Amino acid sequence: MSTTAPSRTTDGDGESHPRSPIVHRRRRIDPLYYLFLFPSLTLFSLAVTLPAVLGFGYSFTNSIGFGDWEFIGLRNYIAMFRDQGVLGSYTFTLGFSLITVILVNILAFALALGLTSKIRFTTALRTIYVIPMVISGIVIAFVFQYLFANTVPGMGQAIGSDALSTSILANPDWAWLSIVIVTAWQSIPATMLIYIAGLVTIPGEVYEAGSIDGATGWQAIRHITLPLVSGFIVINTILGFKNYLNAYDIIVGLTDGGPGVATRSVAMSIFRGFEGGDYAYQMANAMVFFLISIALALLQLRITRGRTAF
């Protein structure tokens, strides 16, 4: 508790009188808040914090997940950065995330522009476009796996196209494209909704002023719309990139990391390593992946600080 020095006030007769000191009291926190916080904090600590701390410790050992183990220092981390399989999974994951986030944001922004314009059946179209967002990723992956493996090759053979006659899933050079397509198909609705929320906040008077100045449709988008929704673009880009780094279920249902290991993501490498007995080695991989995710989260906070997108 802190107090300020008493000041003096002057009445109508010109006489000064001491003013009562202003007392600043710290707001007392109701113990009921701690009662509601304790169960959540306990569960989070047991389910997330404790396993993370134990995993960090095991990354410096030769543990296979059970039984005896020995401390081996940084050997797992050194081996990981020399492992072409691990480095390949990082290359695929980063490349896939970058391409997908660009494709998703371009298509989602274009759809948001269309669904906020003066067209008919806007509500119905918004409902249709949102459907992929509510379907499980593994279900979507299995449906598209059948399309890419059977339907598309059948259509290619029917029209005499050699390029479409074989499944893209069996091509190690192009299998990644199928994952980009399916991931984008599922991700566009959520990204589109965020862009719609940003576009409807732009006053119509801004566009009217632009039209008076002679701005065409593309000029209005470039000089009015894009600057005013820049906060939404940043948030969609960073959140999308972070989510795509954790890609797992769609890849499992679509290519299972194949052909070979051409489409194996970092998350898949970690889980498959756990199944193969490389527990400590993959814990080191998980720690590095965790640091990358933390760095992206800090970057997001730094870039979005001070923006008023939401």
C-alpha atoms as a PDB file:
ATOM      1  CA  MET A   1       0.000   0.000   0.000  1.00  0.00           C
ATOM      2  CA  SER A   2       1.328   3.418  -0.933  1.00  0.00           C
ATOM      3  CA  THR A   3       0.133   6.948  -0.138  1.00  0.00           C
ATOM      4  CA  THR A   4       0.820  10.297  -1.706  1.00  0.00           C
ATOM      5  CA  ALA A   5       1.881  13.405   0.190  1.00  0.00           C
ATOM      6  CA  PRO A   6      -1.091  15.527   1.319  1.00  0.00           C
ATOM      7  CA  SER A   7      -1.763  18.502  -0.935  1.00  0.00           C
ATOM      8  CA  ARG A   8      -3.598  21.732  -0.168  1.00  0.00           C
ATOM      9  CA  THR A   9      -6.770  23.189  -1.670  1.00  0.00           C
ATOM     10  CA  THR A  10      -7.919  26.807  -1.728  1.00  0.00           C
ATOM     11  CA  ASP A  11     -11.464  27.777  -0.835  1.00  0.00           C
ATOM     12  CA  GLY A  12     -13.401  30.794  -2.021  1.00  0.00           C
ATOM     13  CA  ASP A  13     -11.848  33.065   0.694  1.00  0.00           C
ATOM     14  CA  GLY A  14      -8.342  32.334  -0.482  1.00  0.00           C
ATOM     15  CA  GLU A  15      -7.516  30.172   2.526  1.00  0.00           C
ATOM     16  CA  SER A  16      -5.767  26.903   1.916  1.00  0.00           C
ATOM     17  CA  HIS A  17      -6.748  23.657   3.585  1.00  0.00           C
ATOM     18  CA  PRO A  18      -4.948  20.320   3.556  1.00  0.00           C
ATOM     19  CA  ARG A  19      -6.442  17.798   1.139  1.00  0.00           C
ATOM     20  CA  SER A  20      -6.960  14.251   2.328  1.00  0.00           C
ATOM     21  CA  PRO A  21      -4.212  11.917   1.096  1.00  0.00           C
ATOM     22  CA  ILE A  22      -5.141   9.568  -1.764  1.00  0.00           C
ATOM     23  CA  VAL A  23      -4.787   5.982  -0.700  1.00  0.00           C
ATOM     24  CA  HIS A  24      -4.017   3.368  -3.385  1.00  0.00           C
ATOM     25  CA  ARG A  25      -5.128  -0.076  -2.321  1.00  0.00           C
ATOM     26  CA  ARG A  26      -4.178  -3.248  -4.153  1.00  0.00           C
ATOM     27  CA  ARG A  27      -7.240  -5.123  -5.332  1.00  0.00           C
ATOM     28  CA  ARG A  28      -7.786  -8.225  -3.271  1.00  0.00           C
ATOM     29  CA  ILE A  29      -8.144 -11.429  -5.310  1.00  0.00           C
ATOM     30  CA  ASP A  30     -11.065 -13.584  -4.328  1.00  0.00           C
ATOM     31  CA  PRO A  31      -9.840 -17.027  -3.144  1.00  0.00           C
ATOM     32  CA  LEU A  32     -12.609 -18.544  -5.257  1.00  0.00           C
ATOM     33  CA  TYR A  33     -10.519 -17.772  -8.348  1.00  0.00           C
ATOM     34  CA  TYR A  34      -7.709 -19.960  -7.047  1.00  0.00           C
ATOM     35  CA  LEU A  35     -10.225 -22.722  -6.357  1.00  0.00           C
ATOM     36  CA  PHE A  36     -11.241 -22.755 -10.025  1.00  0.00           C
ATOM     37  CA  LEU A  37      -7.650 -22.352 -11.233  1.00  0.00           C
ATOM     38  CA  PHE A  38      -6.158 -25.184  -9.181  1.00  0.00           C
ATOM     39  CA  PRO A  39      -7.802 -28.192 -10.982  1.00  0.00           C
ATOM     40  CA  SER A  40      -6.920 -26.859 -14.447  1.00  0.00           C
ATOM     41  CA  LEU A  41      -3.383 -25.982 -13.400  1.00  0.00           C
ATOM     42  CA  THR A  42      -2.920 -29.414 -11.834  1.00  0.00           C
ATOM     43  CA  LEU A  43      -4.172 -31.271 -14.909  1.00  0.00           C
ATOM     44  CA  PHE A  44      -2.061 -29.124 -17.227  1.00  0.00           C
ATOM     45  CA  SER A  45       1.040 -29.739 -15.111  1.00  0.00           C
ATOM     46  CA  LEU A  46       0.485 -33.500 -15.004  1.00  0.00           C
ATOM     47  CA  ALA A  47      -0.476 -33.880 -18.664  1.00  0.00           C
ATOM     48  CA  VAL A  48       1.862 -31.342 -20.307  1.00  0.00           C
ATOM     49  CA  THR A  49       4.515 -29.784 -18.093  1.00  0.00           C
ATOM     50  CA  LEU A  50       5.688 -32.919 -16.259  1.00  0.00           C
ATOM     51  CA  PRO A  51       5.959 -35.100 -19.422  1.00  0.00           C
ATOM     52  CA  ALA A  52       7.824 -32.290 -21.187  1.00  0.00           C
ATOM     53  CA  VAL A  53      10.342 -31.984 -18.348  1.00  0.00           C
ATOM     54  CA  LEU A  54      10.805 -35.773 -18.179  1.00  0.00           C
ATOM     55  CA  GLY A  55      11.165 -35.955 -21.962  1.00  0.00           C
ATOM     56  CA  PHE A  56      13.812 -33.249 -21.899  1.00  0.00           C
ATOM     57  CA  GLY A  57      15.736 -35.266 -19.330  1.00  0.00           C
ATOM     58  CA  TYR A  58      15.406 -38.508 -21.302  1.00  0.00           C
ATOM     59  CA  SER A  59      16.745 -36.776 -24.442  1.00  0.00           C
ATOM     60  CA  PHE A  60      20.184 -36.903 -22.814  1.00  0.00           C
ATOM     61  CA  THR A  61      20.001 -40.668 -22.238  1.00  0.00           C
ATOM     62  CA  ASN A  62      19.892 -43.883 -24.281  1.00  0.00           C
ATOM     63  CA  SER A  63      16.485 -44.927 -22.941  1.00  0.00           C
ATOM     64  CA  ILE A  64      14.195 -46.982 -25.164  1.00  0.00           C
ATOM     65  CA  GLY A  65      11.134 -45.951 -23.158  1.00  0.00           C
ATOM     66  CA  PHE A  66      11.422 -48.522 -20.382  1.00  0.00           C
ATOM     67  CA  GLY A  67      14.030 -50.420 -18.446  1.00  0.00           C
ATOM     68  CA  ASP A  68      17.537 -49.254 -17.598  1.00  0.00           C
ATOM     69  CA  TRP A  69      19.183 -46.263 -19.249  1.00  0.00           C
ATOM     70  CA  GLU A  70      22.459 -44.365 -19.170  1.00  0.00           C
ATOM     71  CA  PHE A  71      23.275 -40.671 -19.448  1.00  0.00           C
ATOM     72  CA  ILE A  72      24.981 -39.972 -22.811  1.00  0.00           C
ATOM     73  CA  GLY A  73      24.979 -36.168 -22.922  1.00  0.00           C
ATOM     74  CA  LEU A  74      24.446 -34.458 -26.275  1.00  0.00           C
ATOM     75  CA  ARG A  75      24.996 -37.575 -28.355  1.00  0.00           C
ATOM     76  CA  ASN A  76      21.340 -37.772 -29.452  1.00  0.00           C
ATOM     77  CA  TYR A  77      21.307 -34.146 -30.582  1.00  0.00           C
ATOM     78  CA  ILE A  78      24.568 -34.518 -32.498  1.00  0.00           C
ATOM     79  CA  ALA A  79      23.321 -37.684 -34.218  1.00  0.00           C
ATOM     80  CA  MET A  80      20.021 -36.030 -35.068  1.00  0.00           C
ATOM     81  CA  PHE A  81      21.668 -33.212 -37.003  1.00  0.00           C
ATOM     82  CA  ARG A  82      23.640 -35.819 -38.983  1.00  0.00           C
ATOM     83  CA  ASP A  83      20.617 -38.019 -39.689  1.00  0.00           C
ATOM     84  CA  GLN A  84      19.471 -37.517 -43.280  1.00  0.00           C
ATOM     85  CA  GLY A  85      16.064 -39.009 -42.440  1.00  0.00           C
ATOM     86  CA  VAL A  86      15.427 -36.440 -39.714  1.00  0.00           C
ATOM     87  CA  LEU A  87      16.766 -33.575 -41.820  1.00  0.00           C
ATOM     88  CA  GLY A  88      14.599 -34.748 -44.722  1.00  0.00           C
ATOM     89  CA  SER A  89      11.495 -34.675 -42.516  1.00  0.00           C
ATOM     90  CA  TYR A  90      12.285 -31.091 -41.499  1.00  0.00           C
ATOM     91  CA  THR A  91      12.840 -30.096 -45.120  1.00  0.00           C
ATOM     92  CA  PHE A  92       9.542 -31.646 -46.194  1.00  0.00           C
ATOM     93  CA  THR A  93       7.607 -30.172 -43.248  1.00  0.00           C
ATOM     94  CA  LEU A  94       8.945 -26.635 -43.696  1.00  0.00           C
ATOM     95  CA  GLY A  95       8.472 -26.701 -47.485  1.00  0.00           C
ATOM     96  CA  PHE A  96       4.983 -28.168 -47.243  1.00  0.00           C
ATOM     97  CA  SER A  97       3.989 -25.614 -44.572  1.00  0.00           C
ATOM     98  CA  LEU A  98       5.282 -22.673 -46.591  1.00  0.00           C
ATOM     99  CA  ILE A  99       3.543 -23.700 -49.838  1.00  0.00           C
ATOM    100  CA  THR A 100       0.282 -24.572 -48.085  1.00  0.00           C
ATOM    101  CA  VAL A 101       0.054 -21.364 -46.060  1.00  0.00           C
ATOM    102  CA  ILE A 102       0.545 -19.261 -49.226  1.00  0.00           C
ATOM    103  CA  LEU A 103      -2.044 -21.247 -51.200  1.00  0.00           C
ATOM    104  CA  VAL A 104      -4.598 -21.264 -48.371  1.00  0.00           C
ATOM    105  CA  ASN A 105      -4.343 -17.527 -47.703  1.00  0.00           C
ATOM    106  CA  ILE A 106      -4.656 -16.562 -51.375  1.00  0.00           C
ATOM    107  CA  LEU A 107      -7.709 -18.767 -51.991  1.00  0.00           C
ATOM    108  CA  ALA A 108      -9.341 -17.963 -48.648  1.00  0.00           C
ATOM    109  CA  PHE A 109      -8.917 -14.219 -49.204  1.00  0.00           C
ATOM    110  CA  ALA A 110     -10.375 -14.480 -52.710  1.00  0.00           C
ATOM    111  CA  LEU A 111     -13.381 -16.430 -51.407  1.00  0.00           C
ATOM    112  CA  ALA A 112     -13.853 -13.945 -48.566  1.00  0.00           C
ATOM    113  CA  LEU A 113     -13.919 -11.084 -51.054  1.00  0.00           C
ATOM    114  CA  GLY A 114     -16.553 -12.883 -53.099  1.00  0.00           C
ATOM    115  CA  LEU A 115     -18.709 -13.805 -50.103  1.00  0.00           C
ATOM    116  CA  THR A 116     -18.706 -10.224 -48.765  1.00  0.00           C
ATOM    117  CA  SER A 117     -19.660  -8.694 -52.111  1.00  0.00           C
ATOM    118  CA  LYS A 118     -23.206  -8.042 -53.244  1.00  0.00           C
ATOM    119  CA  ILE A 119     -24.028 -11.442 -54.695  1.00  0.00           C
ATOM    120  CA  ARG A 120     -27.021 -13.722 -54.238  1.00  0.00           C
ATOM    121  CA  PHE A 121     -27.134 -16.724 -51.900  1.00  0.00           C
ATOM    122  CA  THR A 122     -24.239 -15.426 -49.784  1.00  0.00           C
ATOM    123  CA  THR A 123     -25.422 -17.170 -46.609  1.00  0.00           C
ATOM    124  CA  ALA A 124     -25.933 -20.508 -48.347  1.00  0.00           C
ATOM    125  CA  LEU A 125     -22.529 -20.337 -50.009  1.00  0.00           C
ATOM    126  CA  ARG A 126     -20.823 -19.529 -46.709  1.00  0.00           C
ATOM    127  CA  THR A 127     -22.462 -22.588 -45.148  1.00  0.00           C
ATOM    128  CA  ILE A 128     -21.312 -24.838 -48.004  1.00  0.00           C
ATOM    129  CA  TYR A 129     -17.728 -23.569 -47.890  1.00  0.00           C
ATOM    130  CA  VAL A 130     -17.510 -24.156 -44.131  1.00  0.00           C
ATOM    131  CA  ILE A 131     -18.404 -27.869 -44.343  1.00  0.00           C
ATOM    132  CA  PRO A 132     -14.780 -29.144 -44.795  1.00  0.00           C
ATOM    133  CA  MET A 133     -13.807 -27.457 -41.523  1.00  0.00           C
ATOM    134  CA  VAL A 134     -16.112 -29.690 -39.439  1.00  0.00           C
ATOM    135  CA  ILE A 135     -15.025 -33.023 -40.956  1.00  0.00           C
ATOM    136  CA  SER A 136     -12.263 -35.048 -39.315  1.00  0.00           C
ATOM    137  CA  GLY A 137      -8.896 -34.792 -41.026  1.00  0.00           C
ATOM    138  CA  ILE A 138      -8.369 -38.555 -41.120  1.00  0.00           C
ATOM    139  CA  VAL A 139     -11.779 -39.066 -42.779  1.00  0.00           C
ATOM    140  CA  ILE A 140     -10.961 -36.446 -45.402  1.00  0.00           C
ATOM    141  CA  ALA A 141      -7.589 -38.088 -46.002  1.00  0.00           C
ATOM    142  CA  PHE A 142      -9.096 -41.530 -46.609  1.00  0.00           C
ATOM    143  CA  VAL A 143     -11.692 -40.106 -49.025  1.00  0.00           C
ATOM    144  CA  PHE A 144      -9.057 -38.272 -51.051  1.00  0.00           C
ATOM    145  CA  GLN A 145      -6.761 -41.293 -50.877  1.00  0.00           C
ATOM    146  CA  TYR A 146      -9.416 -43.296 -52.723  1.00  0.00           C
ATOM    147  CA  LEU A 147      -9.902 -40.475 -55.255  1.00  0.00           C
ATOM    148  CA  PHE A 148      -6.182 -40.110 -55.975  1.00  0.00           C
ATOM    149  CA  ALA A 149      -5.519 -43.853 -56.059  1.00  0.00           C
ATOM    150  CA  ASN A 150      -8.574 -44.998 -58.050  1.00  0.00           C
ATOM    151  CA  THR A 151     -10.884 -42.322 -59.436  1.00  0.00           C
ATOM    152  CA  VAL A 152      -8.320 -39.946 -60.934  1.00  0.00           C
ATOM    153  CA  PRO A 153      -6.247 -42.715 -62.618  1.00  0.00           C
ATOM    154  CA  GLY A 154      -9.461 -44.220 -63.996  1.00  0.00           C
ATOM    155  CA  MET A 155     -10.451 -40.875 -65.475  1.00  0.00           C
ATOM    156  CA  GLY A 156      -6.944 -40.445 -66.880  1.00  0.00           C
ATOM    157  CA  GLN A 157      -7.100 -43.799 -68.630  1.00  0.00           C
ATOM    158  CA  ALA A 158     -10.548 -42.975 -69.999  1.00  0.00           C
ATOM    159  CA  ILE A 159      -9.373 -39.737 -71.628  1.00  0.00           C
ATOM    160  CA  GLY A 160      -6.001 -41.189 -72.661  1.00  0.00           C
ATOM    161  CA  SER A 161      -3.851 -38.999 -70.388  1.00  0.00           C
ATOM    162  CA  ASP A 162      -0.593 -40.661 -69.358  1.00  0.00           C
ATOM    163  CA  ALA A 163       0.037 -38.064 -66.634  1.00  0.00           C
ATOM    164  CA  LEU A 164      -3.258 -38.843 -64.867  1.00  0.00           C
ATOM    165  CA  SER A 165      -3.257 -42.598 -65.479  1.00  0.00           C
ATOM    166  CA  THR A 166      -0.985 -43.322 -62.519  1.00  0.00           C
ATOM    167  CA  SER A 167      -1.666 -42.366 -58.915  1.00  0.00           C
ATOM    168  CA  ILE A 168       0.102 -39.250 -57.705  1.00  0.00           C
ATOM    169  CA  LEU A 169       0.445 -40.977 -54.319  1.00  0.00           C
ATOM    170  CA  ALA A 170       2.918 -43.452 -55.818  1.00  0.00           C
ATOM    171  CA  ASN A 171       5.155 -40.732 -57.254  1.00  0.00           C
ATOM    172  CA  PRO A 172       7.867 -39.689 -54.775  1.00  0.00           C
ATOM    173  CA  ASP A 173       8.358 -36.393 -56.624  1.00  0.00           C
ATOM    174  CA  TRP A 174       4.712 -35.321 -56.584  1.00  0.00           C
ATOM    175  CA  ALA A 175       3.092 -37.100 -53.627  1.00  0.00           C
ATOM    176  CA  TRP A 176       3.580 -33.945 -51.551  1.00  0.00           C
ATOM    177  CA  LEU A 177       1.192 -32.105 -53.854  1.00  0.00           C
ATOM    178  CA  SER A 178      -1.690 -34.349 -52.814  1.00  0.00           C
ATOM    179  CA  ILE A 179      -1.044 -33.457 -49.161  1.00  0.00           C
ATOM    180  CA  VAL A 180      -1.024 -29.750 -50.000  1.00  0.00           C
ATOM    181  CA  ILE A 181      -4.329 -30.067 -51.868  1.00  0.00           C
ATOM    182  CA  VAL A 182      -6.111 -31.970 -49.105  1.00  0.00           C
ATOM    183  CA  THR A 183      -4.732 -29.802 -46.301  1.00  0.00           C
ATOM    184  CA  ALA A 184      -5.707 -26.643 -48.159  1.00  0.00           C
ATOM    185  CA  TRP A 185      -9.201 -28.014 -48.818  1.00  0.00           C
ATOM    186  CA  GLN A 186      -9.730 -28.509 -45.088  1.00  0.00           C
ATOM    187  CA  SER A 187      -7.996 -25.307 -43.934  1.00  0.00           C
ATOM    188  CA  ILE A 188      -9.484 -22.728 -46.294  1.00  0.00           C
ATOM    189  CA  PRO A 189     -12.881 -22.396 -44.491  1.00  0.00           C
ATOM    190  CA  ALA A 190     -11.429 -21.330 -41.125  1.00  0.00           C
ATOM    191  CA  THR A 191      -9.016 -18.914 -42.779  1.00  0.00           C
ATOM    192  CA  MET A 192     -11.832 -17.553 -44.948  1.00  0.00           C
ATOM    193  CA  LEU A 193     -14.027 -16.853 -41.909  1.00  0.00           C
ATOM    194  CA  ILE A 194     -11.270 -14.795 -40.311  1.00  0.00           C
ATOM    195  CA  TYR A 195     -10.876 -12.776 -43.498  1.00  0.00           C
ATOM    196  CA  ILE A 196     -14.649 -12.250 -43.691  1.00  0.00           C
ATOM    197  CA  ALA A 197     -14.572 -10.947 -40.114  1.00  0.00           C
ATOM    198  CA  GLY A 198     -11.900  -8.473 -41.157  1.00  0.00           C
ATOM    199  CA  LEU A 199     -13.578  -7.381 -44.394  1.00  0.00           C
ATOM    200  CA  VAL A 200     -16.939  -6.592 -42.783  1.00  0.00           C
ATOM    201  CA  THR A 201     -15.233  -4.167 -40.390  1.00  0.00           C
ATOM    202  CA  ILE A 202     -14.114  -1.898 -43.263  1.00  0.00           C
ATOM    203  CA  PRO A 203     -16.550   1.038 -43.544  1.00  0.00           C
ATOM    204  CA  GLY A 204     -18.268   1.421 -46.890  1.00  0.00           C
ATOM    205  CA  GLU A 205     -17.425   5.122 -46.892  1.00  0.00           C
ATOM    206  CA  VAL A 206     -13.775   4.230 -47.430  1.00  0.00           C
ATOM    207  CA  TYR A 207     -14.568   2.516 -50.726  1.00  0.00           C
ATOM    208  CA  GLU A 208     -16.878   5.364 -51.732  1.00  0.00           C
ATOM    209  CA  ALA A 209     -14.070   7.852 -51.169  1.00  0.00           C
ATOM    210  CA  GLY A 210     -11.756   5.663 -53.206  1.00  0.00           C
ATOM    211  CA  SER A 211     -14.214   5.435 -56.087  1.00  0.00           C
ATOM    212  CA  ILE A 212     -14.557   9.211 -56.089  1.00  0.00           C
ATOM    213  CA  ASP A 213     -10.772   9.411 -56.458  1.00  0.00           C
ATOM    214  CA  GLY A 214     -11.016   7.084 -59.442  1.00  0.00           C
ATOM    215  CA  ALA A 215      -9.848   3.814 -57.817  1.00  0.00           C
ATOM    216  CA  THR A 216     -10.689   0.711 -59.867  1.00  0.00           C
ATOM    217  CA  GLY A 217     -11.568  -2.667 -58.357  1.00  0.00           C
ATOM    218  CA  TRP A 218      -7.969  -3.936 -58.178  1.00  0.00           C
ATOM    219  CA  GLN A 219      -6.677  -0.570 -56.965  1.00  0.00           C
ATOM    220  CA  ALA A 220      -9.263  -0.568 -54.178  1.00  0.00           C
ATOM    221  CA  ILE A 221      -8.161  -4.040 -53.102  1.00  0.00           C
ATOM    222  CA  ARG A 222      -4.482  -3.135 -53.243  1.00  0.00           C
ATOM    223  CA  HIS A 223      -4.595   0.300 -51.601  1.00  0.00           C
ATOM    224  CA  ILE A 224      -7.633  -0.001 -49.312  1.00  0.00           C
ATOM    225  CA  THR A 225      -8.577  -3.593 -48.523  1.00  0.00           C
ATOM    226  CA  LEU A 226      -5.145  -5.165 -48.073  1.00  0.00           C
ATOM    227  CA  PRO A 227      -3.743  -2.439 -45.747  1.00  0.00           C
ATOM    228  CA  LEU A 228      -6.883  -2.496 -43.586  1.00  0.00           C
ATOM    229  CA  VAL A 229      -6.867  -6.294 -43.160  1.00  0.00           C
ATOM    230  CA  SER A 230      -3.097  -6.620 -42.796  1.00  0.00           C
ATOM    231  CA  GLY A 231      -3.497  -7.700 -39.169  1.00  0.00           C
ATOM    232  CA  PHE A 232      -5.737 -10.570 -40.225  1.00  0.00           C
ATOM    233  CA  ILE A 233      -3.270 -11.588 -42.929  1.00  0.00           C
ATOM    234  CA  VAL A 234      -0.425 -11.739 -40.407  1.00  0.00           C
ATOM    235  CA  ILE A 235      -2.447 -13.776 -37.926  1.00  0.00           C
ATOM    236  CA  ASN A 236      -3.701 -16.224 -40.571  1.00  0.00           C
ATOM    237  CA  THR A 237      -0.193 -16.674 -41.951  1.00  0.00           C
ATOM    238  CA  ILE A 238       1.550 -17.334 -38.658  1.00  0.00           C
ATOM    239  CA  LEU A 239      -1.192 -19.491 -37.123  1.00  0.00           C
ATOM    240  CA  GLY A 240      -1.528 -21.483 -40.331  1.00  0.00           C
ATOM    241  CA  PHE A 241       2.219 -22.066 -40.586  1.00  0.00           C
ATOM    242  CA  LYS A 242       2.338 -23.263 -36.973  1.00  0.00           C
ATOM    243  CA  ASN A 243      -0.564 -25.660 -37.551  1.00  0.00           C
ATOM    244  CA  TYR A 244       0.943 -27.109 -40.734  1.00  0.00           C
ATOM    245  CA  LEU A 245       4.214 -27.807 -38.947  1.00  0.00           C
ATOM    246  CA  ASN A 246       2.253 -30.290 -36.800  1.00  0.00           C
ATOM    247  CA  ALA A 247       0.743 -32.066 -39.811  1.00  0.00           C
ATOM    248  CA  TYR A 248       0.093 -35.720 -39.013  1.00  0.00           C
ATOM    249  CA  ASP A 249      -3.408 -37.175 -39.500  1.00  0.00           C
ATOM    250  CA  ILE A 250      -3.892 -36.164 -43.143  1.00  0.00           C
ATOM    251  CA  ILE A 251      -0.438 -37.474 -44.055  1.00  0.00           C
ATOM    252  CA  VAL A 252      -1.087 -40.779 -42.273  1.00  0.00           C
ATOM    253  CA  GLY A 253      -4.416 -41.302 -44.050  1.00  0.00           C
ATOM    254  CA  LEU A 254      -3.195 -40.124 -47.446  1.00  0.00           C
ATOM    255  CA  THR A 255       0.364 -41.383 -47.982  1.00  0.00           C
ATOM    256  CA  ASP A 256       1.461 -42.806 -44.612  1.00  0.00           C
ATOM    257  CA  GLY A 257       4.710 -40.919 -45.145  1.00  0.00           C
ATOM    258  CA  GLY A 258       5.431 -42.562 -48.487  1.00  0.00           C
ATOM    259  CA  PRO A 259       6.455 -43.391 -51.056  1.00  0.00           C
ATOM    260  CA  GLY A 260       9.344 -44.441 -48.868  1.00  0.00           C
ATOM    261  CA  VAL A 261       9.875 -41.461 -46.588  1.00  0.00           C
ATOM    262  CA  ALA A 262       9.194 -38.777 -49.223  1.00  0.00           C
ATOM    263  CA  THR A 263       6.251 -37.268 -47.313  1.00  0.00           C
ATOM    264  CA  ARG A 264       7.193 -38.070 -43.724  1.00  0.00           C
ATOM    265  CA  SER A 265       6.686 -35.046 -41.489  1.00  0.00           C
ATOM    266  CA  VAL A 266       8.554 -34.253 -38.288  1.00  0.00           C
ATOM    267  CA  ALA A 267       5.577 -35.276 -36.145  1.00  0.00           C
ATOM    268  CA  MET A 268       5.352 -38.604 -37.966  1.00  0.00           C
ATOM    269  CA  SER A 269       9.092 -39.213 -37.560  1.00  0.00           C
ATOM    270  CA  ILE A 270       8.792 -38.648 -33.821  1.00  0.00           C
ATOM    271  CA  PHE A 271       5.847 -41.011 -33.382  1.00  0.00           C
ATOM    272  CA  ARG A 272       7.338 -43.707 -35.597  1.00  0.00           C
ATOM    273  CA  GLY A 273      10.583 -43.416 -33.638  1.00  0.00           C
ATOM    274  CA  PHE A 274       8.722 -44.028 -30.395  1.00  0.00           C
ATOM    275  CA  GLU A 275       7.219 -47.189 -31.887  1.00  0.00           C
ATOM    276  CA  GLY A 276      10.647 -48.365 -33.063  1.00  0.00           C
ATOM    277  CA  GLY A 277      12.368 -48.040 -29.688  1.00  0.00           C
ATOM    278  CA  ASP A 278      14.222 -44.761 -30.411  1.00  0.00           C
ATOM    279  CA  TYR A 279      12.571 -43.094 -27.457  1.00  0.00           C
ATOM    280  CA  ALA A 280      15.422 -40.911 -26.213  1.00  0.00           C
ATOM    281  CA  TYR A 281      16.593 -40.108 -29.740  1.00  0.00           C
ATOM    282  CA  GLN A 282      13.140 -38.920 -30.799  1.00  0.00           C
ATOM    283  CA  MET A 283      12.747 -36.990 -27.548  1.00  0.00           C
ATOM    284  CA  ALA A 284      15.763 -34.949 -28.654  1.00  0.00           C
ATOM    285  CA  ASN A 285      14.022 -34.458 -31.996  1.00  0.00           C
ATOM    286  CA  ALA A 286      10.854 -33.385 -30.177  1.00  0.00           C
ATOM    287  CA  MET A 287      12.791 -30.874 -28.063  1.00  0.00           C
ATOM    288  CA  VAL A 288      14.260 -29.223 -31.160  1.00  0.00           C
ATOM    289  CA  PHE A 289      10.834 -29.174 -32.788  1.00  0.00           C
ATOM    290  CA  PHE A 290       9.398 -27.671 -29.599  1.00  0.00           C
ATOM    291  CA  LEU A 291      11.974 -24.860 -29.658  1.00  0.00           C
ATOM    292  CA  ILE A 292      11.067 -24.091 -33.276  1.00  0.00           C
ATOM    293  CA  SER A 293       7.383 -23.877 -32.299  1.00  0.00           C
ATOM    294  CA  ILE A 294       8.213 -21.588 -29.372  1.00  0.00           C
ATOM    295  CA  ALA A 295      10.247 -19.337 -31.667  1.00  0.00           C
ATOM    296  CA  LEU A 296       7.292 -19.057 -34.057  1.00  0.00           C
ATOM    297  CA  ALA A 297       4.942 -18.288 -31.163  1.00  0.00           C
ATOM    298  CA  LEU A 298       7.239 -15.503 -29.954  1.00  0.00           C
ATOM    299  CA  LEU A 299       7.468 -14.182 -33.502  1.00  0.00           C
ATOM    300  CA  GLN A 300       3.676 -14.127 -33.699  1.00  0.00           C
ATOM    301  CA  LEU A 301       3.399 -12.185 -30.429  1.00  0.00           C
ATOM    302  CA  ARG A 302       6.014  -9.691 -31.578  1.00  0.00           C
ATOM    303  CA  ILE A 303       4.427  -9.087 -34.986  1.00  0.00           C
ATOM    304  CA  THR A 304       0.821  -8.940 -33.805  1.00  0.00           C
ATOM    305  CA  ARG A 305       1.530  -6.773 -30.744  1.00  0.00           C
ATOM    306  CA  GLY A 306      -0.333  -3.525 -31.080  1.00  0.00           C
ATOM    307  CA  ARG A 307      -2.535  -4.721 -33.935  1.00  0.00           C
ATOM    308  CA  THR A 308      -6.287  -4.591 -33.539  1.00  0.00           C
ATOM    309  CA  ALA A 309      -7.321  -7.516 -35.712  1.00  0.00           C
ATOM    310  CA  PHE A 310      -9.600  -8.924 -33.009  1.00  0.00           C
END
